[in-house]
Amino acid sequence: MLSKEKINEINNLAEKLISENGISNLNISQLCFSASISKKTFYKYLGNKKIFIEKYYLNMLRNAYIDVIQIIQERNSFFDKFEKMSQLVEKRVPLFNNKVMAELKKNYPEVSLKINYFKSNKIIPLLTLLIAKAQQRKIINDFDPQILINIFFGSISTIYYEQNNFIENQKTDLKFREVFEILLGGILTKKGKSFLKHKLVSIN
């Protein structure tokens, strides 16, 4: 029986391999070698590659769903909530960017459908709720929340992909904070920008 600690180790190694090589190049033999377990043990407790990837991604989404609920329920400002949301996105960009999702859809269409269903019916409604509340308080302009979400994730995903594939001899860390601030500045109302400026002054 694999311990919880060993499963967490395997998941962390899988995250590293997927981030570096993509879904289709995830090598179970390499994963098992790095985790110091046999392939027989892996298949017995974690299933084949398709089953493992499905469980792996859905488990991440469930954890993200719980995190989002906790963030929304916290009694703090919209900016604090949005900042924490952005940190969740920043952490998962290597695994949920558009390129990886397209690769997942191509190689494991059934898994892709389950992931998209969970995102559409669990996570997106929560993000929409957060944006709608900010719009009610005149902090964010009255754009369609779904469009704002798509623009945000699309921009982050595209920049991540380009930096990690087309730019040579350059540090490839995603400049997430810069992108986040540009996008946030573009959707805030005058009132929202005033609040943000006050918040930044208070912090500094």
N, C-alpha and C. Protein backbone atom coordinates (compact mmCIF):
# COMPACT_ATOMS: atom_id res chain seq x y z
N MET A 1 0.85 -1.20 0.00
CA MET A 1 0.00 0.00 0.00
C MET A 1 0.88 1.24 0.00
N LEU A 2 0.60 2.16 -0.91
CA LEU A 2 1.37 3.40 -0.97
C LEU A 2 0.88 4.37 0.11
N SER A 3 1.83 4.95 0.82
CA SER A 3 1.48 5.91 1.85
C SER A 3 1.03 7.23 1.22
N LYS A 4 0.36 8.05 2.00
CA LYS A 4 -0.07 9.36 1.52
C LYS A 4 1.14 10.20 1.14
N GLU A 5 2.20 10.07 1.92
CA GLU A 5 3.43 10.82 1.64
C GLU A 5 4.04 10.42 0.30
N LYS A 6 4.03 9.12 0.02
CA LYS A 6 4.59 8.63 -1.24
C LYS A 6 3.73 9.08 -2.43
N ILE A 7 2.42 9.07 -2.27
CA ILE A 7 1.53 9.53 -3.34
C ILE A 7 1.75 11.01 -3.61
N ASN A 8 1.92 11.79 -2.54
CA ASN A 8 2.21 13.22 -2.71
C ASN A 8 3.54 13.42 -3.44
N GLU A 9 4.51 12.59 -3.11
CA GLU A 9 5.80 12.67 -3.78
C GLU A 9 5.66 12.37 -5.27
N ILE A 10 4.89 11.34 -5.59
CA ILE A 10 4.66 10.97 -6.99
C ILE A 10 3.96 12.10 -7.74
N ASN A 11 2.95 12.70 -7.09
CA ASN A 11 2.23 13.81 -7.71
C ASN A 11 3.14 15.01 -7.97
N ASN A 12 4.01 15.30 -7.01
CA ASN A 12 4.95 16.42 -7.18
C ASN A 12 5.93 16.15 -8.32
N LEU A 13 6.38 14.91 -8.42
CA LEU A 13 7.27 14.54 -9.52
C LEU A 13 6.55 14.61 -10.86
N ALA A 14 5.28 14.18 -10.88
CA ALA A 14 4.49 14.24 -12.10
C ALA A 14 4.30 15.69 -12.53
N GLU A 15 4.07 16.57 -11.58
CA GLU A 15 3.91 17.99 -11.89
C GLU A 15 5.16 18.54 -12.57
N LYS A 16 6.31 18.16 -12.03
CA LYS A 16 7.58 18.63 -12.60
C LYS A 16 7.76 18.11 -14.03
N LEU A 17 7.47 16.84 -14.23
CA LEU A 17 7.65 16.22 -15.55
C LEU A 17 6.68 16.79 -16.58
N ILE A 18 5.42 16.98 -16.17
CA ILE A 18 4.42 17.54 -17.09
C ILE A 18 4.78 18.97 -17.45
N SER A 19 5.24 19.75 -16.46
CA SER A 19 5.62 21.13 -16.70
C SER A 19 6.78 21.21 -17.68
N GLU A 20 7.72 20.28 -17.57
CA GLU A 20 8.92 20.30 -18.40
C GLU A 20 8.71 19.69 -19.78
N ASN A 21 7.92 18.59 -19.84
CA ASN A 21 7.85 17.81 -21.07
C ASN A 21 6.47 17.71 -21.71
N GLY A 22 5.43 18.11 -20.99
CA GLY A 22 4.07 18.00 -21.52
C GLY A 22 3.41 16.68 -21.13
N ILE A 23 2.11 16.63 -21.34
CA ILE A 23 1.31 15.45 -20.98
C ILE A 23 1.73 14.21 -21.77
N SER A 24 1.82 14.35 -23.09
CA SER A 24 2.09 13.19 -23.93
C SER A 24 3.45 12.57 -23.66
N ASN A 25 4.39 13.38 -23.15
CA ASN A 25 5.73 12.89 -22.88
C ASN A 25 5.95 12.47 -21.43
N LEU A 26 4.85 12.44 -20.67
CA LEU A 26 4.98 11.96 -19.30
C LEU A 26 5.33 10.47 -19.34
N ASN A 27 6.49 10.14 -18.84
CA ASN A 27 7.00 8.77 -18.91
C ASN A 27 6.81 8.09 -17.56
N ILE A 28 5.98 7.06 -17.53
CA ILE A 28 5.69 6.37 -16.27
C ILE A 28 6.94 5.68 -15.71
N SER A 29 7.76 5.14 -16.59
CA SER A 29 9.00 4.49 -16.14
C SER A 29 9.90 5.50 -15.44
N GLN A 30 10.03 6.66 -16.03
CA GLN A 30 10.84 7.72 -15.43
C GLN A 30 10.25 8.18 -14.12
N LEU A 31 8.93 8.30 -14.09
CA LEU A 31 8.24 8.72 -12.87
C LEU A 31 8.47 7.72 -11.75
N CYS A 32 8.35 6.43 -12.07
CA CYS A 32 8.55 5.38 -11.08
C CYS A 32 10.00 5.35 -10.58
N PHE A 33 10.94 5.54 -11.50
CA PHE A 33 12.35 5.55 -11.12
C PHE A 33 12.64 6.70 -10.16
N SER A 34 12.10 7.88 -10.49
CA SER A 34 12.33 9.06 -9.64
C SER A 34 11.69 8.90 -8.27
N ALA A 35 10.57 8.18 -8.22
CA ALA A 35 9.85 7.98 -6.95
C ALA A 35 10.32 6.73 -6.20
N SER A 36 11.24 5.99 -6.81
CA SER A 36 11.80 4.77 -6.21
C SER A 36 10.72 3.72 -5.93
N ILE A 37 9.85 3.52 -6.92
CA ILE A 37 8.85 2.46 -6.82
C ILE A 37 8.86 1.68 -8.14
N SER A 38 8.32 0.47 -8.11
CA SER A 38 8.25 -0.33 -9.33
C SER A 38 7.02 0.06 -10.14
N LYS A 39 7.07 -0.23 -11.44
CA LYS A 39 5.91 0.04 -12.29
C LYS A 39 4.73 -0.82 -11.86
N LYS A 40 5.03 -2.02 -11.38
CA LYS A 40 3.97 -2.91 -10.91
C LYS A 40 3.22 -2.27 -9.76
N THR A 41 3.94 -1.67 -8.83
CA THR A 41 3.32 -0.99 -7.70
C THR A 41 2.51 0.21 -8.16
N PHE A 42 3.08 0.95 -9.10
CA PHE A 42 2.39 2.13 -9.63
C PHE A 42 1.05 1.73 -10.23
N TYR A 43 1.07 0.75 -11.13
CA TYR A 43 -0.17 0.35 -11.82
C TYR A 43 -1.19 -0.26 -10.84
N LYS A 44 -0.69 -0.91 -9.81
CA LYS A 44 -1.59 -1.56 -8.85
C LYS A 44 -2.38 -0.52 -8.07
N TYR A 45 -1.70 0.55 -7.65
CA TYR A 45 -2.36 1.51 -6.76
C TYR A 45 -2.81 2.80 -7.45
N LEU A 46 -2.20 3.13 -8.59
CA LEU A 46 -2.52 4.39 -9.25
C LEU A 46 -3.14 4.23 -10.63
N GLY A 47 -3.17 2.99 -11.14
CA GLY A 47 -3.79 2.74 -12.43
C GLY A 47 -2.84 3.02 -13.60
N ASN A 48 -3.38 2.91 -14.80
CA ASN A 48 -2.55 3.18 -15.98
C ASN A 48 -2.36 4.69 -16.14
N LYS A 49 -1.67 5.08 -17.19
CA LYS A 49 -1.33 6.49 -17.38
C LYS A 49 -2.57 7.37 -17.48
N LYS A 50 -3.56 6.93 -18.24
CA LYS A 50 -4.78 7.70 -18.40
C LYS A 50 -5.50 7.89 -17.07
N ILE A 51 -5.65 6.82 -16.31
CA ILE A 51 -6.33 6.89 -15.02
C ILE A 51 -5.57 7.80 -14.07
N PHE A 52 -4.24 7.67 -14.07
CA PHE A 52 -3.42 8.50 -13.19
C PHE A 52 -3.59 9.98 -13.52
N ILE A 53 -3.51 10.32 -14.80
CA ILE A 53 -3.64 11.72 -15.22
C ILE A 53 -5.02 12.27 -14.85
N GLU A 54 -6.05 11.46 -15.06
CA GLU A 54 -7.41 11.90 -14.72
C GLU A 54 -7.53 12.20 -13.24
N LYS A 55 -7.10 11.27 -12.41
CA LYS A 55 -7.17 11.46 -10.96
C LYS A 55 -6.33 12.65 -10.52
N TYR A 56 -5.16 12.76 -11.13
CA TYR A 56 -4.22 13.81 -10.78
C TYR A 56 -4.83 15.19 -11.04
N TYR A 57 -5.39 15.38 -12.22
CA TYR A 57 -5.95 16.68 -12.57
C TYR A 57 -7.23 16.99 -11.81
N LEU A 58 -8.10 16.02 -11.67
CA LEU A 58 -9.35 16.26 -10.96
C LEU A 58 -9.10 16.54 -9.48
N ASN A 59 -8.10 15.88 -8.92
CA ASN A 59 -7.75 16.14 -7.53
C ASN A 59 -7.24 17.57 -7.36
N MET A 60 -6.44 18.04 -8.31
CA MET A 60 -5.96 19.41 -8.27
C MET A 60 -7.12 20.40 -8.35
N LEU A 61 -8.08 20.11 -9.22
CA LEU A 61 -9.22 21.00 -9.38
C LEU A 61 -10.09 21.02 -8.12
N ARG A 62 -10.27 19.86 -7.49
CA ARG A 62 -11.04 19.82 -6.24
C ARG A 62 -10.37 20.66 -5.16
N ASN A 63 -9.06 20.54 -5.06
CA ASN A 63 -8.32 21.33 -4.07
C ASN A 63 -8.43 22.82 -4.39
N ALA A 64 -8.35 23.16 -5.68
CA ALA A 64 -8.47 24.56 -6.09
C ALA A 64 -9.87 25.08 -5.77
N TYR A 65 -10.88 24.24 -5.96
CA TYR A 65 -12.27 24.61 -5.67
C TYR A 65 -12.43 24.95 -4.19
N ILE A 66 -11.86 24.13 -3.34
CA ILE A 66 -11.91 24.38 -1.90
C ILE A 66 -11.19 25.68 -1.56
N ASP A 67 -10.04 25.89 -2.18
CA ASP A 67 -9.27 27.12 -1.94
C ASP A 67 -10.05 28.36 -2.36
N VAL A 68 -10.71 28.28 -3.51
CA VAL A 68 -11.48 29.42 -4.02
C VAL A 68 -12.64 29.75 -3.08
N ILE A 69 -13.33 28.73 -2.61
CA ILE A 69 -14.44 28.94 -1.67
C ILE A 69 -13.94 29.64 -0.41
N GLN A 70 -12.82 29.18 0.12
CA GLN A 70 -12.25 29.78 1.33
C GLN A 70 -11.88 31.24 1.10
N ILE A 71 -11.31 31.52 -0.06
CA ILE A 71 -10.91 32.90 -0.37
C ILE A 71 -12.13 33.81 -0.45
N ILE A 72 -13.18 33.36 -1.11
CA ILE A 72 -14.39 34.16 -1.27
C ILE A 72 -15.06 34.41 0.08
N GLN A 73 -15.00 33.45 0.97
CA GLN A 73 -15.66 33.57 2.27
C GLN A 73 -14.87 34.41 3.27
N GLU A 74 -13.61 34.69 2.98
CA GLU A 74 -12.81 35.49 3.89
C GLU A 74 -13.34 36.92 3.96
N ARG A 75 -13.23 37.51 5.13
CA ARG A 75 -13.70 38.88 5.31
C ARG A 75 -12.55 39.85 5.07
N ASN A 76 -12.24 40.05 3.82
CA ASN A 76 -11.22 41.02 3.45
C ASN A 76 -11.61 41.70 2.15
N SER A 77 -10.78 42.57 1.65
CA SER A 77 -11.13 43.37 0.48
C SER A 77 -11.11 42.55 -0.81
N PHE A 78 -11.76 43.13 -1.83
CA PHE A 78 -11.74 42.49 -3.14
C PHE A 78 -10.31 42.31 -3.62
N PHE A 79 -9.46 43.29 -3.39
CA PHE A 79 -8.08 43.22 -3.87
C PHE A 79 -7.32 42.09 -3.20
N ASP A 80 -7.58 41.87 -1.92
CA ASP A 80 -6.94 40.74 -1.22
C ASP A 80 -7.42 39.42 -1.81
N LYS A 81 -8.71 39.32 -2.06
CA LYS A 81 -9.27 38.10 -2.64
C LYS A 81 -8.70 37.85 -4.03
N PHE A 82 -8.67 38.93 -4.84
CA PHE A 82 -8.19 38.79 -6.21
C PHE A 82 -6.70 38.44 -6.25
N GLU A 83 -5.95 39.00 -5.32
CA GLU A 83 -4.53 38.69 -5.23
C GLU A 83 -4.31 37.22 -4.90
N LYS A 84 -5.09 36.69 -3.96
CA LYS A 84 -4.97 35.28 -3.60
C LYS A 84 -5.40 34.38 -4.75
N MET A 85 -6.44 34.81 -5.48
CA MET A 85 -6.86 34.05 -6.65
C MET A 85 -5.74 34.00 -7.68
N SER A 86 -5.08 35.14 -7.86
CA SER A 86 -4.00 35.20 -8.85
C SER A 86 -2.85 34.30 -8.45
N GLN A 87 -2.61 34.16 -7.16
CA GLN A 87 -1.54 33.27 -6.68
C GLN A 87 -1.87 31.81 -6.99
N LEU A 88 -3.15 31.45 -6.90
CA LEU A 88 -3.56 30.10 -7.28
C LEU A 88 -3.31 29.85 -8.76
N VAL A 89 -3.68 30.85 -9.58
CA VAL A 89 -3.48 30.72 -11.02
C VAL A 89 -1.99 30.62 -11.34
N GLU A 90 -1.20 31.49 -10.72
CA GLU A 90 0.24 31.51 -10.97
C GLU A 90 0.87 30.15 -10.69
N LYS A 91 0.42 29.51 -9.63
CA LYS A 91 0.98 28.22 -9.24
C LYS A 91 0.64 27.13 -10.24
N ARG A 92 -0.52 27.26 -10.89
CA ARG A 92 -1.00 26.18 -11.75
C ARG A 92 -0.88 26.45 -13.24
N VAL A 93 -0.36 27.59 -13.62
CA VAL A 93 -0.20 27.90 -15.04
C VAL A 93 0.58 26.82 -15.79
N PRO A 94 1.68 26.28 -15.23
CA PRO A 94 2.43 25.25 -15.96
C PRO A 94 1.60 24.01 -16.30
N LEU A 95 0.53 23.77 -15.55
CA LEU A 95 -0.26 22.56 -15.75
C LEU A 95 -1.61 22.81 -16.42
N PHE A 96 -2.04 24.07 -16.47
CA PHE A 96 -3.35 24.38 -17.02
C PHE A 96 -3.31 25.43 -18.12
N ASN A 97 -2.12 25.69 -18.69
CA ASN A 97 -2.07 26.66 -19.78
C ASN A 97 -2.72 26.05 -21.03
N ASN A 98 -3.00 26.90 -22.01
CA ASN A 98 -3.74 26.46 -23.20
C ASN A 98 -3.05 25.34 -23.96
N LYS A 99 -1.72 25.38 -24.01
CA LYS A 99 -0.98 24.35 -24.74
C LYS A 99 -1.17 22.98 -24.09
N VAL A 100 -1.04 22.92 -22.76
CA VAL A 100 -1.20 21.65 -22.06
C VAL A 100 -2.63 21.15 -22.19
N MET A 101 -3.60 22.07 -22.10
CA MET A 101 -4.99 21.67 -22.22
C MET A 101 -5.31 21.13 -23.62
N ALA A 102 -4.70 21.74 -24.64
CA ALA A 102 -4.90 21.25 -26.01
C ALA A 102 -4.28 19.87 -26.18
N GLU A 103 -3.13 19.68 -25.58
CA GLU A 103 -2.45 18.39 -25.63
C GLU A 103 -3.26 17.32 -24.90
N LEU A 104 -3.82 17.71 -23.79
CA LEU A 104 -4.66 16.80 -23.01
C LEU A 104 -5.91 16.40 -23.80
N LYS A 105 -6.52 17.37 -24.46
CA LYS A 105 -7.71 17.11 -25.27
C LYS A 105 -7.41 16.16 -26.42
N LYS A 106 -6.24 16.31 -27.02
CA LYS A 106 -5.84 15.48 -28.15
C LYS A 106 -5.57 14.05 -27.73
N ASN A 107 -4.87 13.88 -26.62
CA ASN A 107 -4.44 12.54 -26.20
C ASN A 107 -5.43 11.83 -25.27
N TYR A 108 -6.15 12.62 -24.48
CA TYR A 108 -7.10 12.03 -23.52
C TYR A 108 -8.41 12.84 -23.54
N PRO A 109 -9.17 12.73 -24.62
CA PRO A 109 -10.38 13.55 -24.77
C PRO A 109 -11.40 13.37 -23.65
N GLU A 110 -11.54 12.14 -23.14
CA GLU A 110 -12.51 11.91 -22.07
C GLU A 110 -12.09 12.62 -20.79
N VAL A 111 -10.80 12.58 -20.51
CA VAL A 111 -10.28 13.27 -19.32
C VAL A 111 -10.46 14.77 -19.48
N SER A 112 -10.18 15.28 -20.68
CA SER A 112 -10.33 16.70 -20.96
C SER A 112 -11.76 17.15 -20.74
N LEU A 113 -12.73 16.35 -21.15
CA LEU A 113 -14.14 16.69 -20.96
C LEU A 113 -14.49 16.80 -19.48
N LYS A 114 -13.99 15.87 -18.69
CA LYS A 114 -14.26 15.88 -17.25
C LYS A 114 -13.65 17.12 -16.59
N ILE A 115 -12.44 17.47 -17.01
CA ILE A 115 -11.77 18.65 -16.46
C ILE A 115 -12.54 19.91 -16.82
N ASN A 116 -12.93 20.04 -18.08
CA ASN A 116 -13.68 21.21 -18.53
C ASN A 116 -15.04 21.31 -17.86
N TYR A 117 -15.66 20.16 -17.63
CA TYR A 117 -16.96 20.15 -16.95
C TYR A 117 -16.81 20.67 -15.52
N PHE A 118 -15.78 20.20 -14.84
CA PHE A 118 -15.55 20.63 -13.46
C PHE A 118 -15.26 22.12 -13.41
N LYS A 119 -14.41 22.59 -14.30
CA LYS A 119 -14.06 24.01 -14.35
C LYS A 119 -15.29 24.87 -14.62
N SER A 120 -16.09 24.43 -15.60
CA SER A 120 -17.25 25.21 -16.02
C SER A 120 -18.35 25.25 -14.98
N ASN A 121 -18.52 24.15 -14.25
CA ASN A 121 -19.65 24.04 -13.33
C ASN A 121 -19.30 24.28 -11.86
N LYS A 122 -18.01 24.32 -11.55
CA LYS A 122 -17.60 24.51 -10.15
C LYS A 122 -16.78 25.78 -9.95
N ILE A 123 -15.69 25.89 -10.69
CA ILE A 123 -14.74 26.96 -10.43
C ILE A 123 -15.14 28.28 -11.10
N ILE A 124 -15.50 28.23 -12.38
CA ILE A 124 -15.87 29.45 -13.10
C ILE A 124 -17.03 30.19 -12.44
N PRO A 125 -18.09 29.49 -11.97
CA PRO A 125 -19.18 30.21 -11.30
C PRO A 125 -18.72 30.97 -10.06
N LEU A 126 -17.74 30.43 -9.33
CA LEU A 126 -17.23 31.12 -8.14
C LEU A 126 -16.46 32.38 -8.53
N LEU A 127 -15.65 32.28 -9.58
CA LEU A 127 -14.91 33.45 -10.05
C LEU A 127 -15.87 34.51 -10.59
N THR A 128 -16.91 34.05 -11.27
CA THR A 128 -17.94 34.96 -11.79
C THR A 128 -18.63 35.70 -10.65
N LEU A 129 -18.90 34.97 -9.56
CA LEU A 129 -19.53 35.57 -8.38
C LEU A 129 -18.64 36.65 -7.78
N LEU A 130 -17.35 36.38 -7.67
CA LEU A 130 -16.42 37.35 -7.11
C LEU A 130 -16.39 38.62 -7.97
N ILE A 131 -16.32 38.46 -9.28
CA ILE A 131 -16.29 39.61 -10.19
C ILE A 131 -17.61 40.39 -10.11
N ALA A 132 -18.73 39.67 -10.06
CA ALA A 132 -20.04 40.32 -10.00
C ALA A 132 -20.17 41.17 -8.74
N LYS A 133 -19.66 40.67 -7.62
CA LYS A 133 -19.73 41.43 -6.36
C LYS A 133 -18.88 42.70 -6.46
N ALA A 134 -17.72 42.58 -7.11
CA ALA A 134 -16.86 43.76 -7.29
C ALA A 134 -17.53 44.77 -8.21
N GLN A 135 -18.28 44.29 -9.20
CA GLN A 135 -18.99 45.19 -10.10
C GLN A 135 -20.14 45.89 -9.38
N GLN A 136 -20.81 45.18 -8.50
CA GLN A 136 -21.89 45.78 -7.71
C GLN A 136 -21.37 46.92 -6.85
N ARG A 137 -20.14 46.79 -6.40
CA ARG A 137 -19.53 47.83 -5.57
C ARG A 137 -18.79 48.87 -6.40
N LYS A 138 -18.96 48.80 -7.71
CA LYS A 138 -18.37 49.77 -8.64
C LYS A 138 -16.85 49.80 -8.58
N ILE A 139 -16.24 48.62 -8.34
CA ILE A 139 -14.78 48.50 -8.31
C ILE A 139 -14.26 48.07 -9.67
N ILE A 140 -15.05 47.23 -10.35
CA ILE A 140 -14.68 46.74 -11.68
C ILE A 140 -15.72 47.22 -12.69
N ASN A 141 -15.26 47.57 -13.88
CA ASN A 141 -16.18 48.00 -14.94
C ASN A 141 -17.13 46.86 -15.32
N ASP A 142 -18.27 47.23 -15.87
CA ASP A 142 -19.32 46.26 -16.16
C ASP A 142 -19.09 45.48 -17.45
N PHE A 143 -17.96 44.81 -17.53
CA PHE A 143 -17.72 43.88 -18.63
C PHE A 143 -18.34 42.53 -18.27
N ASP A 144 -18.58 41.72 -19.27
CA ASP A 144 -19.07 40.37 -19.04
C ASP A 144 -18.01 39.59 -18.24
N PRO A 145 -18.35 39.09 -17.04
CA PRO A 145 -17.38 38.35 -16.22
C PRO A 145 -16.71 37.20 -16.96
N GLN A 146 -17.47 36.51 -17.81
CA GLN A 146 -16.90 35.39 -18.55
C GLN A 146 -15.80 35.87 -19.51
N ILE A 147 -16.03 37.02 -20.13
CA ILE A 147 -15.01 37.57 -21.02
C ILE A 147 -13.76 37.96 -20.24
N LEU A 148 -13.95 38.55 -19.07
CA LEU A 148 -12.81 38.95 -18.23
C LEU A 148 -11.99 37.73 -17.83
N ILE A 149 -12.67 36.66 -17.45
CA ILE A 149 -11.98 35.43 -17.04
C ILE A 149 -11.20 34.85 -18.20
N ASN A 150 -11.83 34.81 -19.38
CA ASN A 150 -11.16 34.26 -20.56
C ASN A 150 -9.94 35.08 -20.96
N ILE A 151 -10.07 36.41 -20.89
CA ILE A 151 -8.94 37.28 -21.23
C ILE A 151 -7.80 37.08 -20.25
N PHE A 152 -8.11 37.00 -18.98
CA PHE A 152 -7.08 36.85 -17.95
C PHE A 152 -6.32 35.55 -18.14
N PHE A 153 -7.04 34.44 -18.21
CA PHE A 153 -6.38 33.13 -18.34
C PHE A 153 -5.69 33.00 -19.70
N GLY A 154 -6.33 33.54 -20.74
CA GLY A 154 -5.72 33.46 -22.06
C GLY A 154 -4.42 34.22 -22.15
N SER A 155 -4.38 35.42 -21.57
CA SER A 155 -3.16 36.24 -21.59
C SER A 155 -2.03 35.58 -20.83
N ILE A 156 -2.34 35.11 -19.63
CA ILE A 156 -1.32 34.46 -18.81
C ILE A 156 -0.80 33.20 -19.51
N SER A 157 -1.70 32.42 -20.05
CA SER A 157 -1.33 31.17 -20.71
C SER A 157 -0.44 31.42 -21.92
N THR A 158 -0.81 32.42 -22.74
CA THR A 158 -0.04 32.72 -23.95
C THR A 158 1.37 33.18 -23.61
N ILE A 159 1.49 34.06 -22.63
CA ILE A 159 2.80 34.57 -22.24
C ILE A 159 3.66 33.46 -21.67
N TYR A 160 3.06 32.59 -20.88
CA TYR A 160 3.82 31.47 -20.32
C TYR A 160 4.34 30.58 -21.43
N TYR A 161 3.50 30.27 -22.39
CA TYR A 161 3.89 29.39 -23.49
C TYR A 161 5.01 30.00 -24.32
N GLU A 162 4.87 31.27 -24.65
CA GLU A 162 5.87 31.93 -25.48
C GLU A 162 7.22 32.02 -24.77
N GLN A 163 7.21 32.34 -23.50
CA GLN A 163 8.46 32.47 -22.76
C GLN A 163 9.18 31.14 -22.63
N ASN A 164 8.44 30.07 -22.59
CA ASN A 164 9.06 28.77 -22.37
C ASN A 164 9.34 28.01 -23.66
N ASN A 165 9.03 28.61 -24.82
CA ASN A 165 9.24 27.89 -26.07
C ASN A 165 9.96 28.69 -27.14
N PHE A 166 9.85 30.01 -27.12
CA PHE A 166 10.40 30.79 -28.22
C PHE A 166 11.53 31.73 -27.83
N ILE A 167 11.71 31.98 -26.55
CA ILE A 167 12.74 32.92 -26.14
C ILE A 167 13.95 32.15 -25.65
N GLU A 168 15.08 32.28 -26.36
CA GLU A 168 16.28 31.56 -26.01
C GLU A 168 17.22 32.44 -25.18
N ASN A 169 18.04 31.77 -24.37
CA ASN A 169 19.06 32.47 -23.58
C ASN A 169 18.46 33.57 -22.71
N GLN A 170 17.30 33.30 -22.16
CA GLN A 170 16.65 34.29 -21.31
C GLN A 170 15.94 33.57 -20.17
N LYS A 171 15.95 34.20 -19.02
CA LYS A 171 15.25 33.61 -17.88
C LYS A 171 13.78 33.46 -18.24
N THR A 172 13.22 32.26 -18.02
CA THR A 172 11.87 31.98 -18.50
C THR A 172 10.80 32.03 -17.42
N ASP A 173 11.13 32.56 -16.25
CA ASP A 173 10.10 32.68 -15.22
C ASP A 173 8.99 33.59 -15.73
N LEU A 174 7.77 33.16 -15.53
CA LEU A 174 6.62 33.96 -15.97
C LEU A 174 6.57 35.27 -15.19
N LYS A 175 6.51 36.40 -15.90
CA LYS A 175 6.40 37.71 -15.26
C LYS A 175 4.95 37.92 -14.85
N PHE A 176 4.51 37.09 -13.94
CA PHE A 176 3.09 37.03 -13.61
C PHE A 176 2.59 38.31 -12.97
N ARG A 177 3.37 38.87 -12.05
CA ARG A 177 2.92 40.07 -11.35
C ARG A 177 2.69 41.23 -12.31
N GLU A 178 3.61 41.38 -13.29
CA GLU A 178 3.47 42.48 -14.24
C GLU A 178 2.19 42.33 -15.07
N VAL A 179 1.95 41.10 -15.54
CA VAL A 179 0.75 40.83 -16.34
C VAL A 179 -0.50 41.04 -15.50
N PHE A 180 -0.46 40.56 -14.28
CA PHE A 180 -1.59 40.70 -13.36
C PHE A 180 -1.95 42.17 -13.15
N GLU A 181 -0.94 43.00 -12.92
CA GLU A 181 -1.18 44.42 -12.66
C GLU A 181 -1.73 45.13 -13.89
N ILE A 182 -1.21 44.76 -15.07
CA ILE A 182 -1.71 45.37 -16.32
C ILE A 182 -3.18 45.03 -16.53
N LEU A 183 -3.51 43.75 -16.37
CA LEU A 183 -4.89 43.32 -16.58
C LEU A 183 -5.83 43.91 -15.53
N LEU A 184 -5.38 43.94 -14.29
CA LEU A 184 -6.21 44.50 -13.23
C LEU A 184 -6.46 45.98 -13.47
N GLY A 185 -5.41 46.71 -13.85
CA GLY A 185 -5.56 48.13 -14.11
C GLY A 185 -6.53 48.42 -15.24
N GLY A 186 -6.63 47.49 -16.19
CA GLY A 186 -7.50 47.69 -17.34
C GLY A 186 -8.97 47.48 -17.06
N ILE A 187 -9.30 46.80 -15.96
CA ILE A 187 -10.71 46.51 -15.69
C ILE A 187 -11.27 47.30 -14.51
N LEU A 188 -10.39 47.98 -13.76
CA LEU A 188 -10.85 48.73 -12.59
C LEU A 188 -11.56 50.03 -12.99
N THR A 189 -12.57 50.38 -12.23
CA THR A 189 -13.22 51.68 -12.37
C THR A 189 -12.33 52.74 -11.73
N LYS A 190 -12.71 53.99 -11.87
CA LYS A 190 -11.97 55.07 -11.21
C LYS A 190 -11.96 54.86 -9.70
N LYS A 191 -13.08 54.44 -9.17
CA LYS A 191 -13.19 54.16 -7.75
C LYS A 191 -12.27 53.00 -7.37
N GLY A 192 -12.25 51.96 -8.21
CA GLY A 192 -11.40 50.81 -7.93
C GLY A 192 -9.93 51.17 -7.94
N LYS A 193 -9.52 52.00 -8.91
CA LYS A 193 -8.12 52.42 -9.00
C LYS A 193 -7.74 53.26 -7.79
N SER A 194 -8.69 54.05 -7.30
CA SER A 194 -8.44 54.87 -6.11
C SER A 194 -8.22 53.97 -4.89
N PHE A 195 -9.06 52.94 -4.75
CA PHE A 195 -8.90 52.00 -3.64
C PHE A 195 -7.57 51.29 -3.72
N LEU A 196 -7.20 50.85 -4.94
CA LEU A 196 -5.96 50.12 -5.13
C LEU A 196 -4.76 51.00 -4.80
N LYS A 197 -4.79 52.25 -5.25
CA LYS A 197 -3.70 53.17 -4.97
C LYS A 197 -3.55 53.39 -3.47
N HIS A 198 -4.67 53.55 -2.79
CA HIS A 198 -4.65 53.73 -1.33
C HIS A 198 -4.07 52.49 -0.65
N LYS A 199 -4.45 51.31 -1.14
CA LYS A 199 -3.97 50.07 -0.55
C LYS A 199 -2.45 49.96 -0.72
N LEU A 200 -1.95 50.28 -1.92
CA LEU A 200 -0.53 50.18 -2.17
C LEU A 200 0.26 51.19 -1.33
N VAL A 201 -0.29 52.40 -1.17
CA VAL A 201 0.36 53.41 -0.34
C VAL A 201 0.42 52.95 1.11
N SER A 202 -0.68 52.35 1.57
CA SER A 202 -0.72 51.85 2.95
C SER A 202 0.31 50.77 3.19
N ILE A 203 0.49 49.90 2.18
CA ILE A 203 1.45 48.81 2.31
C ILE A 203 2.89 49.34 2.34
N ASN A 204 3.16 50.32 1.46
CA ASN A 204 4.51 50.86 1.35
C ASN A 204 4.81 51.81 2.50
